């Protein structure tokens, strides 16, 4: 996936939305900006399939040598798939944050969270302001 084609939460999660039938699914991950800020990653707590999440709620944690950070759900829905291999290959975040570095797929239950997401340009502006 190209970073320019994704949507972003203010908490640095990226979102790629697809439709299958009459349902929408969001693949989520952490932006390259956030990965660079965290630096050396040492652990990730992934969400569980079947877990119901709401916009802004924590669905897991990522730990670096600097800090432990929550991973927030950018949408409301149910976790339908988790990228389990990430737990043993954290370097994937740095190597391919917008491809193989995805964290989870969520069946979207409510479109309200999607409307709050930023496009690439707005997200780049936020990152520039954060330094």
Protein backbone atom coordinates (compact mmCIF):
# COMPACT_ATOMS: atom_id res chain seq x y z
CA UNK A 1 0.00 0.00 0.00
CA UNK A 2 1.13 3.53 -0.65
CA UNK A 3 1.15 5.88 2.33
CA UNK A 4 -0.45 8.60 0.17
CA UNK A 5 -3.55 6.43 -0.36
CA UNK A 6 -4.23 5.71 3.33
CA UNK A 7 -6.21 7.48 6.03
CA UNK A 8 -4.66 8.39 9.39
CA UNK A 9 -5.71 8.82 13.00
CA UNK A 10 -4.24 11.67 15.03
CA UNK A 11 -2.63 8.98 17.21
CA UNK A 12 -0.50 7.80 14.22
CA UNK A 13 -2.36 4.68 13.15
CA UNK A 14 -2.92 4.28 9.42
CA UNK A 15 -6.10 2.81 7.93
CA UNK A 16 -6.86 1.14 4.61
CA UNK A 17 -10.56 0.52 4.00
CA UNK A 18 -11.98 -2.06 1.60
CA UNK A 19 -15.51 -3.25 0.90
CA UNK A 20 -16.42 -6.92 0.68
CA UNK A 21 -20.06 -7.46 -0.16
CA UNK A 22 -22.03 -5.08 2.01
CA UNK A 23 -19.38 -4.90 4.75
CA UNK A 24 -16.38 -2.62 5.18
CA UNK A 25 -13.06 -3.72 6.64
CA UNK A 26 -10.19 -1.59 7.93
CA UNK A 27 -6.62 -2.83 7.86
CA UNK A 28 -4.64 -0.85 10.43
CA UNK A 29 -0.99 -0.31 11.23
CA UNK A 30 1.37 2.29 12.69
CA UNK A 31 2.77 5.08 10.53
CA UNK A 32 6.44 5.34 9.60
CA UNK A 33 6.55 8.65 11.53
CA UNK A 34 5.49 6.85 14.73
CA UNK A 35 7.90 3.96 14.14
CA UNK A 36 10.80 6.40 13.74
CA UNK A 37 9.79 8.25 16.90
CA UNK A 38 9.63 5.03 18.91
CA UNK A 39 13.03 3.84 17.59
CA UNK A 40 14.15 0.36 18.72
CA UNK A 41 11.05 -1.81 19.13
CA UNK A 42 11.24 -4.65 21.63
CA UNK A 43 7.67 -5.97 22.08
CA UNK A 44 4.13 -5.78 20.71
CA UNK A 45 0.93 -6.89 22.37
CA UNK A 46 -1.43 -7.70 19.53
CA UNK A 47 -5.23 -7.66 19.82
CA UNK A 48 -7.24 -10.87 19.76
CA UNK A 49 -9.53 -12.03 16.97
CA UNK A 50 -13.11 -11.47 18.09
CA UNK A 51 -12.20 -8.50 20.28
CA UNK A 52 -14.69 -5.64 19.88
CA UNK A 53 -13.07 -2.21 19.72
CA UNK A 54 -14.33 1.34 19.62
CA UNK A 55 -12.75 4.42 18.11
CA UNK A 56 -10.00 5.71 20.39
CA UNK A 57 -9.85 2.61 22.60
CA UNK A 58 -6.59 0.74 23.07
CA UNK A 59 -6.36 -2.51 21.12
CA UNK A 60 -2.76 -3.31 22.05
CA UNK A 61 0.61 -1.91 23.01
CA UNK A 62 3.95 -1.44 21.33
CA UNK A 63 7.09 -1.15 23.41
CA UNK A 64 10.42 0.36 22.45
CA UNK A 65 13.57 1.00 24.44
CA UNK A 66 12.17 4.53 24.98
CA UNK A 67 8.53 3.99 25.93
CA UNK A 68 5.41 1.85 25.93
CA UNK A 69 2.68 3.22 23.68
CA UNK A 70 -0.92 2.20 23.21
CA UNK A 71 -2.15 1.25 19.76
CA UNK A 72 -5.55 2.88 19.37
CA UNK A 73 -8.40 1.67 17.24
CA UNK A 74 -9.23 4.25 14.58
CA UNK A 75 -12.69 2.71 13.97
CA UNK A 76 -15.50 0.87 15.74
CA UNK A 77 -15.81 -2.82 15.02
CA UNK A 78 -14.61 -6.36 15.58
CA UNK A 79 -11.09 -7.68 15.07
CA UNK A 80 -11.36 -10.33 12.35
CA UNK A 81 -7.66 -10.95 11.65
CA UNK A 82 -4.33 -10.29 13.39
CA UNK A 83 -0.85 -10.24 11.86
CA UNK A 84 0.58 -12.72 14.38
CA UNK A 85 4.07 -13.02 12.76
CA UNK A 86 4.78 -9.40 13.80
CA UNK A 87 5.33 -10.47 17.41
CA UNK A 88 8.49 -12.32 16.35
CA UNK A 89 9.66 -9.95 13.61
CA UNK A 90 9.33 -6.36 14.85
CA UNK A 91 11.81 -5.22 12.18
CA UNK A 92 8.90 -5.54 9.72
CA UNK A 93 7.56 -2.24 11.07
CA UNK A 94 10.67 -0.40 9.89
CA UNK A 95 11.08 -2.40 6.67
CA UNK A 96 7.48 -2.25 5.42
CA UNK A 97 5.19 -0.24 7.74
CA UNK A 98 2.43 0.15 5.12
CA UNK A 99 2.50 -3.41 3.81
CA UNK A 100 3.64 -6.39 5.84
CA UNK A 101 3.65 -4.18 8.95
CA UNK A 102 -0.13 -4.20 9.28
CA UNK A 103 -1.40 -5.07 12.77
CA UNK A 104 -5.06 -6.07 12.47
CA UNK A 105 -8.14 -6.10 10.29
CA UNK A 106 -11.38 -4.80 11.73
CA UNK A 107 -14.92 -5.34 10.44
CA UNK A 108 -16.26 -1.80 10.66
CA UNK A 109 -19.45 -1.53 12.71
CA UNK A 110 -19.97 2.23 12.56
CA UNK A 111 -18.74 4.74 9.98
CA UNK A 112 -18.47 7.59 12.51
CA UNK A 113 -14.80 6.88 13.26
CA UNK A 114 -13.92 6.84 9.57
CA UNK A 115 -15.19 10.40 9.13
CA UNK A 116 -12.67 11.62 11.73
CA UNK A 117 -9.63 10.19 9.92
CA UNK A 118 -7.19 12.43 8.04
CA UNK A 119 -5.97 12.13 4.49
CA UNK A 120 -2.23 11.97 3.76
CA UNK A 121 -1.76 15.74 3.39
CA UNK A 122 -3.48 16.56 6.67
CA UNK A 123 -1.47 13.86 8.43
CA UNK A 124 1.81 15.16 7.02
CA UNK A 125 0.92 18.62 8.34
CA UNK A 126 0.27 17.15 11.81
CA UNK A 127 3.62 15.32 11.75
CA UNK A 128 5.46 18.51 10.73
CA UNK A 129 3.86 20.36 13.64
CA UNK A 130 4.89 17.62 16.07
CA UNK A 131 8.46 17.84 14.80
